[in-house]
C-alpha atoms as a PDB file:
ATOM      1  CA  MET A   1      -3.502  -5.239  20.680  1.00  0.00           C
ATOM      2  CA  SER A   2      -1.029  -4.852  17.802  1.00  0.00           C
ATOM      3  CA  GLU A   3       0.202  -1.368  16.996  1.00  0.00           C
ATOM      4  CA  ILE A   4       0.224  -0.155  13.409  1.00  0.00           C
ATOM      5  CA  SER A   5       1.909   2.732  11.640  1.00  0.00           C
ATOM      6  CA  VAL A   6       0.719   4.081   8.302  1.00  0.00           C
ATOM      7  CA  VAL A   7       2.750   5.851   5.616  1.00  0.00           C
ATOM      8  CA  VAL A   8       1.312   7.845   2.724  1.00  0.00           C
ATOM      9  CA  PRO A   9       3.809   8.420  -0.108  1.00  0.00           C
ATOM     10  CA  SER A  10       2.526  11.566  -1.808  1.00  0.00           C
ATOM     11  CA  PHE A  11       3.331  12.730  -5.315  1.00  0.00           C
ATOM     12  CA  GLY A  12       1.271  15.057  -7.475  1.00  0.00           C
ATOM     13  CA  HIS A  13      -2.152  14.108  -6.148  1.00  0.00           C
ATOM     14  CA  ALA A  14      -3.424  17.413  -4.748  1.00  0.00           C
ATOM     15  CA  ARG A  15      -6.821  16.596  -6.223  1.00  0.00           C
ATOM     16  CA  PHE A  16      -7.146  13.322  -4.298  1.00  0.00           C
ATOM     17  CA  ILE A  17      -4.924  13.484  -1.202  1.00  0.00           C
ATOM     18  CA  GLU A  18      -7.518  14.950   1.166  1.00  0.00           C
ATOM     19  CA  ARG A  19      -9.911  12.059   0.482  1.00  0.00           C
ATOM     20  CA  THR A  20      -7.068   9.611   0.980  1.00  0.00           C
ATOM     21  CA  LEU A  21      -6.138  11.085   4.356  1.00  0.00           C
ATOM     22  CA  ARG A  22      -9.717  11.308   5.569  1.00  0.00           C
ATOM     23  CA  SER A  23     -10.225   7.634   4.737  1.00  0.00           C
ATOM     24  CA  ILE A  24      -7.328   6.959   7.126  1.00  0.00           C
ATOM     25  CA  PHE A  25      -8.784   9.253   9.797  1.00  0.00           C
ATOM     26  CA  ALA A  26     -12.053   7.277   9.572  1.00  0.00           C
ATOM     27  CA  GLN A  27     -10.481   3.911  10.427  1.00  0.00           C
ATOM     28  CA  THR A  28     -12.157   1.967  13.236  1.00  0.00           C
ATOM     29  CA  TYR A  29      -8.749   0.654  14.366  1.00  0.00           C
ATOM     30  CA  ARG A  30      -6.506   3.028  16.283  1.00  0.00           C
ATOM     31  CA  ILE A  31      -3.363   4.054  14.391  1.00  0.00           C
ATOM     32  CA  LYS A  32      -0.126   4.648  16.286  1.00  0.00           C
ATOM     33  CA  LYS A  33       1.308   7.124  13.778  1.00  0.00           C
ATOM     34  CA  LEU A  34       0.553   8.488  10.336  1.00  0.00           C
ATOM     35  CA  LEU A  35       3.564   9.707   8.348  1.00  0.00           C
ATOM     36  CA  VAL A  36       2.993  11.497   5.057  1.00  0.00           C
ATOM     37  CA  ILE A  37       6.073  11.948   2.866  1.00  0.00           C
ATOM     38  CA  ASP A  38       5.650  14.278  -0.079  1.00  0.00           C
ATOM     39  CA  ASP A  39       8.116  13.223  -2.757  1.00  0.00           C
ATOM     40  CA  GLY A  40       8.696  16.555  -4.449  1.00  0.00           C
ATOM     41  CA  SER A  41       5.180  17.326  -5.674  1.00  0.00           C
ATOM     42  CA  ARG A  42       4.925  20.319  -7.999  1.00  0.00           C
ATOM     43  CA  ASP A  43       1.229  20.912  -7.395  1.00  0.00           C
ATOM     44  CA  ALA A  44      -0.563  22.058  -4.220  1.00  0.00           C
ATOM     45  CA  SER A  45      -0.214  18.692  -2.466  1.00  0.00           C
ATOM     46  CA  VAL A  46       1.838  19.990   0.470  1.00  0.00           C
ATOM     47  CA  GLU A  47      -0.636  22.771   1.230  1.00  0.00           C
ATOM     48  CA  VAL A  48      -3.589  20.374   1.087  1.00  0.00           C
ATOM     49  CA  ILE A  49      -1.801  17.856   3.309  1.00  0.00           C
ATOM     50  CA  GLU A  50      -0.874  20.451   5.926  1.00  0.00           C
ATOM     51  CA  LYS A  51      -4.441  21.692   6.112  1.00  0.00           C
ATOM     52  CA  THR A  52      -5.944  18.203   6.293  1.00  0.00           C
ATOM     53  CA  LEU A  53      -3.530  16.822   8.893  1.00  0.00           C
ATOM     54  CA  ALA A  54      -4.741  19.497  11.309  1.00  0.00           C
ATOM     55  CA  ASP A  55      -7.848  17.311  11.684  1.00  0.00           C
ATOM     56  CA  ALA A  56      -5.957  14.050  12.344  1.00  0.00           C
ATOM     57  CA  PRO A  57      -7.325  12.217  15.424  1.00  0.00           C
ATOM     58  CA  PHE A  58      -3.917  10.674  16.161  1.00  0.00           C
ATOM     59  CA  ASP A  59      -0.192  11.455  15.821  1.00  0.00           C
ATOM     60  CA  ALA A  60       0.420  12.643  12.249  1.00  0.00           C
ATOM     61  CA  GLU A  61       3.501  14.145  10.594  1.00  0.00           C
ATOM     62  CA  LEU A  62       4.379  15.556   7.175  1.00  0.00           C
ATOM     63  CA  ILE A  63       7.813  15.389   5.580  1.00  0.00           C
ATOM     64  CA  ALA A  64       8.133  17.420   2.358  1.00  0.00           C
ATOM     65  CA  ARG A  65      11.362  17.060   0.395  1.00  0.00           C
ATOM     66  CA  GLU A  66      12.844  16.661  -3.090  1.00  0.00           C
ATOM     67  CA  ASN A  67      11.863  13.792  -5.364  1.00  0.00           C
ATOM     68  CA  ARG A  68      13.589  10.460  -4.654  1.00  0.00           C
ATOM     69  CA  GLY A  69      11.127   7.959  -6.073  1.00  0.00           C
ATOM     70  CA  LEU A  70       8.434   5.752  -4.573  1.00  0.00           C
ATOM     71  CA  CYS A  71      10.612   2.911  -3.299  1.00  0.00           C
ATOM     72  CA  ALA A  72      13.004   5.307  -1.554  1.00  0.00           C
ATOM     73  CA  THR A  73      10.014   7.064  -0.011  1.00  0.00           C
ATOM     74  CA  LEU A  74       8.585   3.786   1.300  1.00  0.00           C
ATOM     75  CA  ASN A  75      11.941   2.776   2.777  1.00  0.00           C
ATOM     76  CA  GLU A  76      12.185   6.159   4.490  1.00  0.00           C
ATOM     77  CA  GLY A  77       8.693   5.741   5.887  1.00  0.00           C
ATOM     78  CA  LEU A  78       9.517   2.278   7.193  1.00  0.00           C
ATOM     79  CA  SER A  79      12.692   3.528   8.880  1.00  0.00           C
ATOM     80  CA  LYS A  80      10.923   6.468  10.542  1.00  0.00           C
ATOM     81  CA  THR A  81       8.054   4.507  12.071  1.00  0.00           C
ATOM     82  CA  ALA A  82       7.972   1.811  14.719  1.00  0.00           C
ATOM     83  CA  SER A  83       5.147  -0.638  15.293  1.00  0.00           C
ATOM     84  CA  ASP A  84       4.334  -4.339  15.022  1.00  0.00           C
ATOM     85  CA  LEU A  85       2.458  -3.769  11.776  1.00  0.00           C
ATOM     86  CA  PHE A  86       2.979  -1.449   8.807  1.00  0.00           C
ATOM     87  CA  ALA A  87       0.755  -0.310   5.955  1.00  0.00           C
ATOM     88  CA  TYR A  88       1.007   2.297   3.256  1.00  0.00           C
ATOM     89  CA  LEU A  89      -1.660   3.946   1.147  1.00  0.00           C
ATOM     90  CA  GLY A  90      -1.011   5.757  -2.125  1.00  0.00           C
ATOM     91  CA  SER A  91      -1.998   9.405  -2.164  1.00  0.00           C
ATOM     92  CA  ASP A  92      -4.858   8.778  -4.584  1.00  0.00           C
ATOM     93  CA  ASP A  93      -6.267   5.553  -3.074  1.00  0.00           C
ATOM     94  CA  LEU A  94      -8.826   4.938  -0.310  1.00  0.00           C
ATOM     95  CA  TRP A  95      -9.492   2.607   2.616  1.00  0.00           C
ATOM     96  CA  LEU A  96     -12.955   1.612   3.732  1.00  0.00           C
ATOM     97  CA  PRO A  97     -13.475   2.357   7.463  1.00  0.00           C
ATOM     98  CA  GLU A  98     -12.953  -1.231   8.684  1.00  0.00           C
ATOM     99  CA  PHE A  99      -9.927  -1.963   6.513  1.00  0.00           C
ATOM    100  CA  LEU A 100      -7.281  -1.899   9.250  1.00  0.00           C
ATOM    101  CA  GLU A 101      -9.494  -3.543  11.860  1.00  0.00           C
ATOM    102  CA  LYS A 102     -10.259  -6.529   9.627  1.00  0.00           C
ATOM    103  CA  GLN A 103      -6.721  -6.938   8.327  1.00  0.00           C
ATOM    104  CA  VAL A 104      -5.208  -6.775  11.811  1.00  0.00           C
ATOM    105  CA  ARG A 105      -7.764  -9.315  13.005  1.00  0.00           C
ATOM    106  CA  LEU A 106      -6.790 -11.627  10.135  1.00  0.00           C
ATOM    107  CA  LEU A 107      -3.092 -11.375  10.978  1.00  0.00           C
ATOM    108  CA  THR A 108      -3.868 -12.094  14.622  1.00  0.00           C
ATOM    109  CA  VAL A 109      -5.548 -15.358  13.627  1.00  0.00           C
ATOM    110  CA  ARG A 110      -2.959 -16.242  10.971  1.00  0.00           C
ATOM    111  CA  SER A 111       0.227 -16.147  13.028  1.00  0.00           C
ATOM    112  CA  SER A 112       2.324 -17.658  10.191  1.00  0.00           C
ATOM    113  CA  ALA A 113       1.326 -14.951   7.698  1.00  0.00           C
ATOM    114  CA  VAL A 114       3.813 -12.204   6.848  1.00  0.00           C
ATOM    115  CA  LEU A 115       1.110  -9.991   5.367  1.00  0.00           C
ATOM    116  CA  ALA A 116      -2.625  -9.760   4.866  1.00  0.00           C
ATOM    117  CA  PHE A 117      -4.168  -8.533   1.621  1.00  0.00           C
ATOM    118  CA  SER A 118      -7.692  -7.829   0.478  1.00  0.00           C
ATOM    119  CA  HIS A 119      -9.570  -7.349  -2.727  1.00  0.00           C
ATOM    120  CA  ALA A 120     -10.180  -3.799  -3.909  1.00  0.00           C
ATOM    121  CA  PHE A 121     -12.706  -1.746  -5.785  1.00  0.00           C
ATOM    122  CA  VAL A 122     -11.300   0.029  -8.831  1.00  0.00           C
ATOM    123  CA  ILE A 123     -12.481   3.650  -8.956  1.00  0.00           C
ATOM    124  CA  ASP A 124     -12.100   6.457 -11.439  1.00  0.00           C
ATOM    125  CA  GLU A 125     -11.060  10.052 -10.804  1.00  0.00           C
ATOM    126  CA  ASN A 126     -14.605  10.883  -9.685  1.00  0.00           C
ATOM    127  CA  ASP A 127     -14.806   8.062  -7.110  1.00  0.00           C
ATOM    128  CA  MET A 128     -17.092   5.985  -9.327  1.00  0.00           C
ATOM    129  CA  ILE A 129     -16.594   2.203  -9.079  1.00  0.00           C
ATOM    130  CA  ILE A 130     -15.586   0.874 -12.494  1.00  0.00           C
ATOM    131  CA  ASP A 131     -14.351  -2.621 -11.589  1.00  0.00           C
ATOM    132  CA  ARG A 132     -13.261  -4.843  -8.694  1.00  0.00           C
ATOM    133  CA  THR A 133     -10.226  -7.070  -8.365  1.00  0.00           C
ATOM    134  CA  ASP A 134     -12.182 -10.188  -7.473  1.00  0.00           C
ATOM    135  CA  ASN A 135     -13.394 -10.060 -11.084  1.00  0.00           C
ATOM    136  CA  TRP A 136      -9.793 -10.522 -12.231  1.00  0.00           C
ATOM    137  CA  SER A 137      -8.565 -13.345 -10.019  1.00  0.00           C
ATOM    138  CA  GLU A 138      -9.400 -14.999  -6.735  1.00  0.00           C
ATOM    139  CA  PHE A 139      -5.681 -15.010  -5.886  1.00  0.00           C
ATOM    140  CA  ALA A 140      -4.281 -17.642  -3.558  1.00  0.00           C
ATOM    141  CA  ASP A 141      -4.572 -17.858   0.210  1.00  0.00           C
ATOM    142  CA  GLY A 142      -1.332 -19.012   1.800  1.00  0.00           C
ATOM    143  CA  ASP A 143       1.259 -19.809  -0.867  1.00  0.00           C
ATOM    144  CA  MET A 144       1.165 -16.921  -3.346  1.00  0.00           C
ATOM    145  CA  LEU A 145       4.303 -17.845  -5.277  1.00  0.00           C
ATOM    146  CA  PRO A 146       2.560 -19.712  -8.133  1.00  0.00           C
ATOM    147  CA  CYS A 147       0.225 -16.738  -8.680  1.00  0.00           C
ATOM    148  CA  LEU A 148       3.092 -14.257  -8.582  1.00  0.00           C
ATOM    149  CA  LEU A 149       5.114 -16.250 -11.106  1.00  0.00           C
ATOM    150  CA  ARG A 150       2.105 -16.097 -13.450  1.00  0.00           C
ATOM    151  CA  GLY A 151       2.062 -12.321 -13.078  1.00  0.00           C
ATOM    152  CA  GLU A 152      -1.011 -12.218 -10.831  1.00  0.00           C
ATOM    153  CA  ILE A 153      -0.495  -9.487  -8.258  1.00  0.00           C
ATOM    154  CA  PHE A 154      -2.925  -7.908  -5.812  1.00  0.00           C
ATOM    155  CA  SER A 155      -3.222  -4.156  -5.356  1.00  0.00           C
ATOM    156  CA  SER A 156      -1.076  -2.416  -2.744  1.00  0.00           C
ATOM    157  CA  PRO A 157      -3.901  -0.503  -0.955  1.00  0.00           C
ATOM    158  CA  GLY A 158      -5.141  -3.814   0.464  1.00  0.00           C
ATOM    159  CA  VAL A 159      -1.935  -4.860   2.240  1.00  0.00           C
ATOM    160  CA  VAL A 160      -0.883  -4.813   5.900  1.00  0.00           C
ATOM    161  CA  TYR A 161       2.643  -6.101   6.660  1.00  0.00           C
ATOM    162  CA  ARG A 162       4.325  -7.577   9.698  1.00  0.00           C
ATOM    163  CA  ARG A 163       7.248  -5.250  10.301  1.00  0.00           C
ATOM    164  CA  ALA A 164       9.620  -8.035  11.389  1.00  0.00           C
ATOM    165  CA  SER A 165       9.451  -9.644   7.943  1.00  0.00           C
ATOM    166  CA  LEU A 166       9.254  -6.410   5.957  1.00  0.00           C
ATOM    167  CA  GLU A 167      12.387  -4.938   7.556  1.00  0.00           C
ATOM    168  CA  LYS A 168      14.487  -7.878   6.312  1.00  0.00           C
ATOM    169  CA  TYR A 169      14.063  -6.716   2.732  1.00  0.00           C
ATOM    170  CA  GLY A 170      12.401  -3.343   2.268  1.00  0.00           C
ATOM    171  CA  TRP A 171      11.874  -2.031  -1.250  1.00  0.00           C
ATOM    172  CA  ASN A 172      14.451  -2.332  -4.028  1.00  0.00           C
ATOM    173  CA  GLU A 173      15.028   1.276  -5.065  1.00  0.00           C
ATOM    174  CA  ASP A 174      16.264   0.185  -8.500  1.00  0.00           C
ATOM    175  CA  ALA A 175      13.095  -1.792  -9.282  1.00  0.00           C
ATOM    176  CA  ALA A 176      10.588  -0.450 -11.816  1.00  0.00           C
ATOM    177  CA  LEU A 177       7.642  -1.794  -9.779  1.00  0.00           C
ATOM    178  CA  GLU A 178       7.606  -1.178  -6.052  1.00  0.00           C
ATOM    179  CA  ASP A 179       5.990  -4.363  -4.754  1.00  0.00           C
ATOM    180  CA  TYR A 180       6.531  -7.329  -7.063  1.00  0.00           C
ATOM    181  CA  GLU A 181      10.103  -8.170  -6.045  1.00  0.00           C
ATOM    182  CA  LEU A 182       9.259  -7.601  -2.381  1.00  0.00           C
ATOM    183  CA  TYR A 183       6.355 -10.052  -2.594  1.00  0.00           C
ATOM    184  CA  LEU A 184       8.637 -12.685  -4.131  1.00  0.00           C
ATOM    185  CA  LYS A 185      11.063 -12.259  -1.245  1.00  0.00           C
ATOM    186  CA  LEU A 186       8.343 -12.345   1.411  1.00  0.00           C
ATOM    187  CA  CYS A 187       7.046 -15.634  -0.018  1.00  0.00           C
ATOM    188  CA  THR A 188      10.142 -17.243   1.511  1.00  0.00           C
ATOM    189  CA  GLU A 189       9.202 -15.904   4.957  1.00  0.00           C
ATOM    190  CA  GLY A 190       5.644 -17.166   5.357  1.00  0.00           C
ATOM    191  CA  GLU A 191       2.085 -17.200   4.117  1.00  0.00           C
ATOM    192  CA  PHE A 192       0.057 -14.414   2.539  1.00  0.00           C
ATOM    193  CA  ALA A 193      -3.339 -14.225   4.265  1.00  0.00           C
ATOM    194  CA  ARG A 194      -6.135 -13.363   1.855  1.00  0.00           C
ATOM    195  CA  ASN A 195      -9.227 -11.462   2.899  1.00  0.00           C
ATOM    196  CA  LYS A 196     -11.959 -12.053   0.315  1.00  0.00           C
ATOM    197  CA  GLU A 197     -13.733  -8.843   1.293  1.00  0.00           C
ATOM    198  CA  LEU A 198     -13.353  -5.640  -0.703  1.00  0.00           C
ATOM    199  CA  LEU A 199     -11.852  -3.280   1.856  1.00  0.00           C
ATOM    200  CA  CYS A 200     -10.169  -0.567  -0.178  1.00  0.00           C
ATOM    201  CA  ALA A 201     -10.231   1.302  -3.471  1.00  0.00           C
ATOM    202  CA  TRP A 202      -7.473   1.558  -6.046  1.00  0.00           C
ATOM    203  CA  ARG A 203      -7.815   4.645  -8.209  1.00  0.00           C
ATOM    204  CA  LEU A 204      -7.368   4.391 -11.975  1.00  0.00           C
ATOM    205  CA  HIS A 205      -6.821   7.752 -13.648  1.00  0.00           C
ATOM    206  CA  GLY A 206      -4.601   9.237 -16.292  1.00  0.00           C
ATOM    207  CA  ARG A 207      -1.863   6.690 -16.966  1.00  0.00           C
ATOM    208  CA  ASN A 208      -1.165   4.258 -14.142  1.00  0.00           C
ATOM    209  CA  THR A 209       1.817   1.936 -14.107  1.00  0.00           C
ATOM    210  CA  GLY A 210      -0.628  -0.965 -14.080  1.00  0.00           C
ATOM    211  CA  ASP A 211      -1.743   0.030 -17.586  1.00  0.00           C
ATOM    212  CA  ASP A 212       1.779  -0.426 -18.982  1.00  0.00           C
ATOM    213  CA  PHE A 213       1.764  -4.156 -19.698  1.00  0.00           C
ATOM    214  CA  PRO A 214       5.206  -4.270 -21.426  1.00  0.00           C
ATOM    215  CA  LEU A 215       6.793  -2.506 -18.428  1.00  0.00           C
ATOM    216  CA  MET A 216       5.105  -4.826 -15.944  1.00  0.00           C
ATOM    217  CA  LEU A 217       6.077  -7.953 -17.891  1.00  0.00           C
ATOM    218  CA  SER A 218       9.715  -6.887 -18.286  1.00  0.00           C
ATOM    219  CA  GLU A 219       9.975  -6.001 -14.585  1.00  0.00           C
ATOM    220  CA  HIS A 220       8.395  -9.306 -13.553  1.00  0.00           C
ATOM    221  CA  ILE A 221      11.036 -11.165 -15.570  1.00  0.00           C
ATOM    222  CA  ALA A 222      13.833  -8.904 -14.286  1.00  0.00           C
ATOM    223  CA  ALA A 223      12.783  -9.368 -10.656  1.00  0.00           C
ATOM    224  CA  GLN A 224      12.629 -13.150 -11.093  1.00  0.00           C
ATOM    225  CA  ASP A 225      16.129 -13.074 -12.648  1.00  0.00           C
ATOM    226  CA  ARG A 226      17.480 -10.976  -9.777  1.00  0.00           C
ATOM    227  CA  LEU A 227      16.177 -13.501  -7.255  1.00  0.00           C
END
């Protein structure tokens, strides 16, 4: 059975972080380690995390430090965990209970895949479902490069990575978007295995990066130029 480590990069989500963590606790697949890295939150996130992690049914650790940015936080989480598989969940997003079990099963069957991704519900700040990503695009199964070059990108809560491929690249800490450039690089390593099920929830509240179309478009072009 493959081992998996989970990282939660936390920043300013005291209102949501307990629900995020408890969705990880509720997974039907056993987690090797949960590492929460608080990236300099100025709200009560650290206090909420400490209290919630006391209920973790597996090895769980909190690192609270100054702000370094999301990509630096993800690279730190990758370097401080060890397992065949790796996943991260934003501190305002959620996993359905069978998320890890079904994504690990998919990667077991798809030995040439470097990651597995799923569709996601889109929820508001009150946990109400307001959309779902399979309404936007079916996305590709296997070769994702044509979709990525068109700007079609799946949501990060639905992804489980093979560590061996992920460690070759990690996250570009100078990139404006954490995942787009990484996905382009991983396309050269193998397939992306798509799970058509909706297994997670991406939270839309306030102003998300995904709402900033000019930023996303400019970063897509910049990442393509860099590669």
